[in-house]
Amino acid sequence: MIHYKCTKMTFPLLIVFLVLIHTANSFTFNPKYTLHIISNLPTNSSISKVHCRSGDNDLEIRTLKSDDQFDFSSHTQGNTLFSCSFSWGLKINSFDVFSKGNKYCSIVYFKNEHCYYLMGDDGFYFAKGNSMSQLSDFKFIAPWYD
């Protein structure tokens, strides 16, 4: 009789356990954020420079030609902030690309995120998704400044 009760309870618990394991791939307790900086500048134009950093992590200056991409990832804490400075010829801009409460790319607990920033000749665009094929349309977020 006792054996029957254990078996009767084991099956539902096994189902719950399998569902939890299956859904564990969709969230994490230590989310990883991957930021992609993509150059969509004209082919024969000057190179662009990107300098991204946080309070304790300087990613150094990167140079991007047309169609180049610079990616970086971070397991973040609640107060992590990454900002980037951009230059292209005489044009410049600087803004936060990731922070808690950032309008575009911010902390989403229990979920890994990919944030895409695209540099165009008129300014900067943003999209979020798990891969390039799943991106929503890029939205214009900031111009270049002279």
N, C-alpha and C. Protein backbone atom coordinates (compact mmCIF):
# COMPACT_ATOMS: atom_id res chain seq x y z
N MET A 1 0.82 -1.19 0.00
CA MET A 1 0.00 0.00 0.00
C MET A 1 0.87 1.26 0.00
N ILE A 2 1.88 1.30 0.85
CA ILE A 2 2.77 2.45 0.91
C ILE A 2 3.52 2.62 -0.41
N HIS A 3 3.95 1.50 -0.97
CA HIS A 3 4.66 1.55 -2.24
C HIS A 3 3.78 2.18 -3.33
N TYR A 4 2.51 1.85 -3.36
CA TYR A 4 1.58 2.40 -4.33
C TYR A 4 1.45 3.91 -4.18
N LYS A 5 1.36 4.42 -2.94
CA LYS A 5 1.24 5.87 -2.71
C LYS A 5 2.49 6.60 -3.18
N CYS A 6 3.65 6.04 -2.93
CA CYS A 6 4.89 6.68 -3.37
C CYS A 6 4.95 6.75 -4.89
N THR A 7 4.56 5.68 -5.54
CA THR A 7 4.57 5.66 -7.00
C THR A 7 3.56 6.66 -7.55
N LYS A 8 2.42 6.75 -6.91
CA LYS A 8 1.37 7.67 -7.35
C LYS A 8 1.83 9.12 -7.23
N MET A 9 2.61 9.45 -6.21
CA MET A 9 3.12 10.81 -6.03
C MET A 9 4.37 11.07 -6.86
N THR A 10 5.13 10.04 -7.13
CA THR A 10 6.38 10.20 -7.85
C THR A 10 6.16 10.68 -9.28
N PHE A 11 5.18 10.12 -9.95
CA PHE A 11 4.94 10.48 -11.34
C PHE A 11 4.63 11.98 -11.52
N PRO A 12 3.69 12.57 -10.77
CA PRO A 12 3.46 14.01 -10.91
C PRO A 12 4.69 14.85 -10.55
N LEU A 13 5.42 14.43 -9.54
CA LEU A 13 6.64 15.16 -9.18
C LEU A 13 7.68 15.07 -10.28
N LEU A 14 7.78 13.93 -10.92
CA LEU A 14 8.70 13.76 -12.04
C LEU A 14 8.31 14.69 -13.19
N ILE A 15 7.03 14.78 -13.48
CA ILE A 15 6.55 15.67 -14.54
C ILE A 15 6.90 17.12 -14.21
N VAL A 16 6.64 17.55 -13.00
CA VAL A 16 6.96 18.92 -12.58
C VAL A 16 8.46 19.17 -12.70
N PHE A 17 9.27 18.22 -12.26
CA PHE A 17 10.72 18.35 -12.34
C PHE A 17 11.18 18.49 -13.79
N LEU A 18 10.65 17.68 -14.69
CA LEU A 18 11.03 17.75 -16.11
C LEU A 18 10.62 19.09 -16.73
N VAL A 19 9.45 19.59 -16.37
CA VAL A 19 9.02 20.90 -16.87
C VAL A 19 9.95 21.99 -16.37
N LEU A 20 10.35 21.92 -15.11
CA LEU A 20 11.27 22.92 -14.57
C LEU A 20 12.62 22.87 -15.26
N ILE A 21 13.13 21.69 -15.53
CA ILE A 21 14.41 21.57 -16.23
C ILE A 21 14.28 22.14 -17.64
N HIS A 22 13.18 21.84 -18.30
CA HIS A 22 12.98 22.34 -19.66
C HIS A 22 12.91 23.87 -19.71
N THR A 23 12.22 24.47 -18.76
CA THR A 23 12.09 25.93 -18.76
C THR A 23 13.33 26.62 -18.19
N ALA A 24 14.21 25.89 -17.54
CA ALA A 24 15.41 26.50 -16.97
C ALA A 24 16.30 27.09 -18.05
N ASN A 25 16.22 26.57 -19.27
CA ASN A 25 17.02 27.12 -20.36
C ASN A 25 16.56 28.51 -20.78
N SER A 26 15.34 28.88 -20.45
CA SER A 26 14.82 30.18 -20.88
C SER A 26 15.10 31.30 -19.89
N PHE A 27 15.60 30.99 -18.71
CA PHE A 27 15.98 32.05 -17.78
C PHE A 27 17.16 31.59 -16.95
N THR A 28 17.82 32.57 -16.35
CA THR A 28 19.01 32.29 -15.55
C THR A 28 19.03 33.20 -14.35
N PHE A 29 19.67 32.77 -13.29
CA PHE A 29 19.77 33.61 -12.10
C PHE A 29 20.90 34.62 -12.23
N ASN A 30 21.79 34.43 -13.18
CA ASN A 30 22.89 35.37 -13.42
C ASN A 30 22.87 35.72 -14.90
N PRO A 31 21.97 36.62 -15.31
CA PRO A 31 21.78 36.87 -16.74
C PRO A 31 23.04 37.40 -17.42
N LYS A 32 23.20 37.01 -18.67
CA LYS A 32 24.31 37.45 -19.50
C LYS A 32 23.75 38.39 -20.56
N TYR A 33 24.40 39.51 -20.72
CA TYR A 33 23.99 40.49 -21.73
C TYR A 33 25.07 40.55 -22.79
N THR A 34 24.67 40.46 -24.04
CA THR A 34 25.60 40.61 -25.15
C THR A 34 25.17 41.84 -25.93
N LEU A 35 26.10 42.76 -26.07
CA LEU A 35 25.85 43.98 -26.83
C LEU A 35 26.61 43.91 -28.14
N HIS A 36 25.94 44.28 -29.21
CA HIS A 36 26.51 44.24 -30.55
C HIS A 36 26.51 45.67 -31.08
N ILE A 37 27.68 46.16 -31.44
CA ILE A 37 27.81 47.48 -32.07
C ILE A 37 28.13 47.20 -33.54
N ILE A 38 27.25 47.62 -34.43
CA ILE A 38 27.36 47.28 -35.85
C ILE A 38 27.54 48.56 -36.67
N SER A 39 28.52 48.53 -37.57
CA SER A 39 28.73 49.67 -38.47
C SER A 39 27.95 49.45 -39.76
N ASN A 40 27.03 50.34 -40.02
CA ASN A 40 26.30 50.34 -41.28
C ASN A 40 26.59 51.64 -42.02
N LEU A 41 27.83 52.11 -41.85
CA LEU A 41 28.26 53.36 -42.47
C LEU A 41 28.59 53.12 -43.94
N PRO A 42 28.58 54.16 -44.77
CA PRO A 42 28.88 53.99 -46.19
C PRO A 42 30.23 53.29 -46.42
N THR A 43 30.29 52.49 -47.45
CA THR A 43 31.46 51.65 -47.73
C THR A 43 32.76 52.43 -47.86
N ASN A 44 32.78 53.51 -48.57
CA ASN A 44 34.02 54.24 -48.81
C ASN A 44 34.24 55.39 -47.84
N SER A 45 33.60 55.36 -46.69
CA SER A 45 33.76 56.45 -45.72
C SER A 45 34.89 56.12 -44.75
N SER A 46 35.22 57.09 -43.92
CA SER A 46 36.27 56.88 -42.93
C SER A 46 35.82 55.86 -41.89
N ILE A 47 36.80 55.28 -41.20
CA ILE A 47 36.47 54.30 -40.16
C ILE A 47 35.83 55.01 -38.97
N SER A 48 35.09 54.26 -38.20
CA SER A 48 34.51 54.81 -36.97
C SER A 48 35.30 54.25 -35.79
N LYS A 49 35.24 54.97 -34.69
CA LYS A 49 35.90 54.52 -33.46
C LYS A 49 34.85 54.40 -32.37
N VAL A 50 34.96 53.32 -31.60
CA VAL A 50 34.02 53.04 -30.52
C VAL A 50 34.83 52.75 -29.27
N HIS A 51 34.48 53.43 -28.18
CA HIS A 51 35.15 53.20 -26.90
C HIS A 51 34.08 52.94 -25.85
N CYS A 52 33.98 51.69 -25.40
CA CYS A 52 32.98 51.30 -24.41
C CYS A 52 33.66 50.97 -23.09
N ARG A 53 33.00 51.32 -22.00
CA ARG A 53 33.57 51.07 -20.67
C ARG A 53 32.48 51.08 -19.61
N SER A 54 32.81 50.41 -18.51
CA SER A 54 31.99 50.48 -17.31
C SER A 54 32.88 51.00 -16.21
N GLY A 55 32.38 51.06 -14.99
CA GLY A 55 33.17 51.58 -13.88
C GLY A 55 34.45 50.80 -13.65
N ASP A 56 34.45 49.50 -13.93
CA ASP A 56 35.64 48.69 -13.67
C ASP A 56 36.10 47.89 -14.88
N ASN A 57 35.62 48.23 -16.07
CA ASN A 57 35.96 47.46 -17.25
C ASN A 57 36.08 48.37 -18.47
N ASP A 58 37.30 48.64 -18.91
CA ASP A 58 37.54 49.46 -20.09
C ASP A 58 37.79 48.53 -21.28
N LEU A 59 36.93 48.58 -22.28
CA LEU A 59 37.04 47.69 -23.43
C LEU A 59 37.93 48.25 -24.53
N GLU A 60 38.58 49.36 -24.28
CA GLU A 60 39.53 50.00 -25.19
C GLU A 60 38.84 50.48 -26.47
N ILE A 61 39.56 51.28 -27.23
CA ILE A 61 39.02 51.86 -28.46
C ILE A 61 39.06 50.80 -29.56
N ARG A 62 37.95 50.64 -30.24
CA ARG A 62 37.84 49.71 -31.38
C ARG A 62 37.59 50.52 -32.63
N THR A 63 38.17 50.12 -33.74
CA THR A 63 37.91 50.77 -35.02
C THR A 63 37.04 49.84 -35.86
N LEU A 64 36.02 50.43 -36.47
CA LEU A 64 35.09 49.65 -37.28
C LEU A 64 34.99 50.25 -38.67
N LYS A 65 35.16 49.41 -39.68
CA LYS A 65 34.89 49.80 -41.06
C LYS A 65 33.42 49.47 -41.35
N SER A 66 32.98 49.83 -42.52
CA SER A 66 31.61 49.51 -42.92
C SER A 66 31.39 48.00 -42.82
N ASP A 67 30.27 47.60 -42.26
CA ASP A 67 29.85 46.21 -42.07
C ASP A 67 30.64 45.46 -40.99
N ASP A 68 31.54 46.13 -40.27
CA ASP A 68 32.21 45.50 -39.13
C ASP A 68 31.28 45.48 -37.93
N GLN A 69 31.60 44.62 -36.98
CA GLN A 69 30.80 44.50 -35.77
C GLN A 69 31.71 44.28 -34.58
N PHE A 70 31.37 44.90 -33.45
CA PHE A 70 32.09 44.73 -32.20
C PHE A 70 31.08 44.22 -31.18
N ASP A 71 31.39 43.09 -30.55
CA ASP A 71 30.48 42.49 -29.57
C ASP A 71 31.18 42.37 -28.23
N PHE A 72 30.43 42.53 -27.18
CA PHE A 72 30.95 42.23 -25.85
C PHE A 72 29.82 41.73 -24.97
N SER A 73 30.20 40.89 -24.01
CA SER A 73 29.23 40.28 -23.11
C SER A 73 29.62 40.54 -21.68
N SER A 74 28.61 40.53 -20.82
CA SER A 74 28.86 40.74 -19.40
C SER A 74 27.76 40.08 -18.58
N HIS A 75 28.17 39.42 -17.52
CA HIS A 75 27.21 39.00 -16.50
C HIS A 75 27.09 40.20 -15.57
N THR A 76 25.91 40.74 -15.45
CA THR A 76 25.77 42.03 -14.79
C THR A 76 25.23 41.93 -13.39
N GLN A 77 25.54 42.94 -12.63
CA GLN A 77 24.95 43.16 -11.32
C GLN A 77 23.89 44.25 -11.49
N GLY A 78 23.12 44.50 -10.48
CA GLY A 78 22.04 45.48 -10.57
C GLY A 78 22.47 46.90 -10.86
N ASN A 79 23.74 47.24 -10.60
CA ASN A 79 24.19 48.61 -10.81
C ASN A 79 25.17 48.75 -11.98
N THR A 80 25.32 47.72 -12.82
CA THR A 80 26.25 47.77 -13.94
C THR A 80 25.80 48.82 -14.95
N LEU A 81 26.76 49.60 -15.42
CA LEU A 81 26.50 50.61 -16.45
C LEU A 81 27.62 50.55 -17.47
N PHE A 82 27.27 50.41 -18.73
CA PHE A 82 28.24 50.51 -19.83
C PHE A 82 27.86 51.72 -20.66
N SER A 83 28.84 52.56 -20.93
CA SER A 83 28.62 53.69 -21.84
C SER A 83 29.64 53.58 -22.96
N CYS A 84 29.28 54.13 -24.11
CA CYS A 84 30.17 54.10 -25.27
C CYS A 84 30.26 55.49 -25.87
N SER A 85 31.47 55.82 -26.32
CA SER A 85 31.72 57.04 -27.09
C SER A 85 31.97 56.62 -28.53
N PHE A 86 31.40 57.36 -29.46
CA PHE A 86 31.50 57.03 -30.87
C PHE A 86 32.06 58.23 -31.63
N SER A 87 32.90 57.97 -32.61
CA SER A 87 33.35 59.03 -33.51
C SER A 87 33.44 58.47 -34.92
N TRP A 88 33.11 59.34 -35.88
CA TRP A 88 33.17 58.98 -37.29
C TRP A 88 33.51 60.26 -38.05
N GLY A 89 34.74 60.37 -38.48
CA GLY A 89 35.20 61.62 -39.07
C GLY A 89 35.10 62.71 -38.03
N LEU A 90 34.35 63.78 -38.32
CA LEU A 90 34.17 64.88 -37.38
C LEU A 90 32.91 64.72 -36.52
N LYS A 91 32.18 63.65 -36.73
CA LYS A 91 30.93 63.44 -35.99
C LYS A 91 31.20 62.61 -34.73
N ILE A 92 30.45 62.93 -33.67
CA ILE A 92 30.63 62.24 -32.39
C ILE A 92 29.27 62.00 -31.72
N ASN A 93 29.27 61.11 -30.77
CA ASN A 93 28.15 60.93 -29.85
C ASN A 93 28.63 60.03 -28.72
N SER A 94 27.92 60.08 -27.62
CA SER A 94 28.24 59.26 -26.46
C SER A 94 26.95 59.03 -25.69
N PHE A 95 26.70 57.79 -25.30
CA PHE A 95 25.51 57.50 -24.51
C PHE A 95 25.67 56.16 -23.80
N ASP A 96 24.80 55.93 -22.82
CA ASP A 96 24.79 54.67 -22.09
C ASP A 96 24.16 53.61 -22.99
N VAL A 97 24.86 52.50 -23.17
CA VAL A 97 24.33 51.41 -23.98
C VAL A 97 23.69 50.33 -23.13
N PHE A 98 24.03 50.32 -21.83
CA PHE A 98 23.43 49.35 -20.92
C PHE A 98 23.46 49.90 -19.51
N SER A 99 22.33 49.86 -18.83
CA SER A 99 22.27 50.21 -17.41
C SER A 99 20.90 49.81 -16.87
N LYS A 100 20.81 49.74 -15.57
CA LYS A 100 19.52 49.48 -14.94
C LYS A 100 18.60 50.65 -15.27
N GLY A 101 17.46 50.37 -15.81
CA GLY A 101 16.51 51.42 -16.15
C GLY A 101 16.76 52.07 -17.50
N ASN A 102 17.77 51.60 -18.26
CA ASN A 102 18.03 52.16 -19.59
C ASN A 102 16.81 51.92 -20.47
N LYS A 103 16.46 52.92 -21.24
CA LYS A 103 15.26 52.86 -22.08
C LYS A 103 15.33 51.72 -23.10
N TYR A 104 16.54 51.41 -23.56
CA TYR A 104 16.68 50.42 -24.63
C TYR A 104 17.23 49.08 -24.15
N CYS A 105 18.35 49.11 -23.46
CA CYS A 105 18.99 47.86 -23.04
C CYS A 105 19.23 47.91 -21.54
N SER A 106 18.42 47.18 -20.80
CA SER A 106 18.55 47.21 -19.35
C SER A 106 18.36 45.80 -18.79
N ILE A 107 18.51 45.70 -17.50
CA ILE A 107 18.45 44.41 -16.83
C ILE A 107 17.05 43.81 -16.94
N VAL A 108 17.01 42.58 -17.40
CA VAL A 108 15.80 41.77 -17.37
C VAL A 108 16.19 40.53 -16.57
N TYR A 109 15.70 40.45 -15.36
CA TYR A 109 16.12 39.35 -14.48
C TYR A 109 15.69 38.00 -15.04
N PHE A 110 16.54 37.02 -14.82
CA PHE A 110 16.31 35.62 -15.19
C PHE A 110 16.29 35.38 -16.69
N LYS A 111 16.86 36.30 -17.48
CA LYS A 111 16.82 36.12 -18.92
C LYS A 111 18.09 36.68 -19.55
N ASN A 112 18.70 35.93 -20.46
CA ASN A 112 19.84 36.44 -21.22
C ASN A 112 19.31 37.35 -22.33
N GLU A 113 20.05 38.42 -22.61
CA GLU A 113 19.59 39.40 -23.59
C GLU A 113 20.67 39.72 -24.61
N HIS A 114 20.24 40.08 -25.81
CA HIS A 114 21.12 40.60 -26.86
C HIS A 114 20.58 41.97 -27.26
N CYS A 115 21.45 42.97 -27.24
CA CYS A 115 21.09 44.32 -27.63
C CYS A 115 21.95 44.73 -28.81
N TYR A 116 21.33 45.29 -29.84
CA TYR A 116 22.02 45.64 -31.07
C TYR A 116 21.95 47.15 -31.29
N TYR A 117 23.12 47.76 -31.44
CA TYR A 117 23.22 49.18 -31.78
C TYR A 117 23.85 49.27 -33.16
N LEU A 118 23.17 49.94 -34.07
CA LEU A 118 23.62 50.07 -35.44
C LEU A 118 23.98 51.52 -35.72
N MET A 119 25.20 51.74 -36.24
CA MET A 119 25.64 53.09 -36.60
C MET A 119 25.34 53.31 -38.08
N GLY A 120 24.52 54.31 -38.38
CA GLY A 120 24.23 54.68 -39.75
C GLY A 120 24.78 56.06 -40.03
N ASP A 121 24.73 56.49 -41.27
CA ASP A 121 25.28 57.81 -41.60
C ASP A 121 24.47 58.95 -40.99
N ASP A 122 23.22 58.69 -40.59
CA ASP A 122 22.40 59.73 -39.95
C ASP A 122 22.35 59.60 -38.43
N GLY A 123 22.89 58.50 -37.87
CA GLY A 123 22.86 58.35 -36.42
C GLY A 123 22.82 56.90 -35.99
N PHE A 124 22.16 56.66 -34.86
CA PHE A 124 22.19 55.36 -34.19
C PHE A 124 20.80 54.74 -34.12
N TYR A 125 20.77 53.43 -34.29
CA TYR A 125 19.54 52.66 -34.27
C TYR A 125 19.68 51.55 -33.24
N PHE A 126 18.56 51.07 -32.73
CA PHE A 126 18.58 50.02 -31.71
C PHE A 126 17.56 48.94 -32.02
N ALA A 127 17.92 47.69 -31.70
CA ALA A 127 16.98 46.56 -31.76
C ALA A 127 17.40 45.55 -30.70
N LYS A 128 16.44 44.75 -30.28
CA LYS A 128 16.70 43.72 -29.27
C LYS A 128 16.15 42.40 -29.78
N GLY A 129 16.88 41.31 -29.53
CA GLY A 129 16.44 39.98 -29.93
C GLY A 129 17.49 38.95 -29.59
N ASN A 130 17.15 37.68 -29.75
CA ASN A 130 18.10 36.62 -29.43
C ASN A 130 19.07 36.33 -30.56
N SER A 131 18.72 36.68 -31.77
CA SER A 131 19.63 36.52 -32.90
C SER A 131 19.25 37.53 -33.97
N MET A 132 20.14 37.73 -34.91
CA MET A 132 19.86 38.72 -35.96
C MET A 132 18.59 38.37 -36.73
N SER A 133 18.29 37.09 -36.89
CA SER A 133 17.09 36.70 -37.65
C SER A 133 15.81 36.95 -36.87
N GLN A 134 15.91 37.17 -35.55
CA GLN A 134 14.71 37.40 -34.73
C GLN A 134 14.53 38.86 -34.35
N LEU A 135 15.33 39.74 -34.91
CA LEU A 135 15.26 41.14 -34.50
C LEU A 135 13.99 41.80 -34.98
N SER A 136 13.47 42.65 -34.12
CA SER A 136 12.40 43.53 -34.57
C SER A 136 13.08 44.62 -35.40
N ASP A 137 12.32 45.47 -35.98
CA ASP A 137 12.91 46.56 -36.77
C ASP A 137 13.79 47.44 -35.90
N PHE A 138 14.91 47.88 -36.47
CA PHE A 138 15.76 48.84 -35.77
C PHE A 138 15.01 50.16 -35.66
N LYS A 139 15.13 50.79 -34.49
CA LYS A 139 14.48 52.09 -34.25
C LYS A 139 15.56 53.15 -34.08
N PHE A 140 15.35 54.30 -34.70
CA PHE A 140 16.29 55.41 -34.58
C PHE A 140 16.27 55.93 -33.15
N ILE A 141 17.48 56.09 -32.54
CA ILE A 141 17.52 56.55 -31.15
C ILE A 141 18.35 57.81 -30.93
N ALA A 142 19.31 58.12 -31.82
CA ALA A 142 20.15 59.29 -31.58
C ALA A 142 20.87 59.70 -32.86
N PRO A 143 21.07 61.01 -33.05
CA PRO A 143 21.82 61.47 -34.23
C PRO A 143 23.32 61.55 -33.93
N TRP A 144 24.10 61.77 -34.97
CA TRP A 144 25.50 62.16 -34.81
C TRP A 144 25.52 63.65 -34.49
N TYR A 145 26.55 64.10 -33.76
CA TYR A 145 26.74 65.53 -33.51
C TYR A 145 28.04 65.97 -34.15
N ASP A 146 28.03 67.20 -34.70
CA ASP A 146 29.25 67.76 -35.31
C ASP A 146 30.11 68.42 -34.26
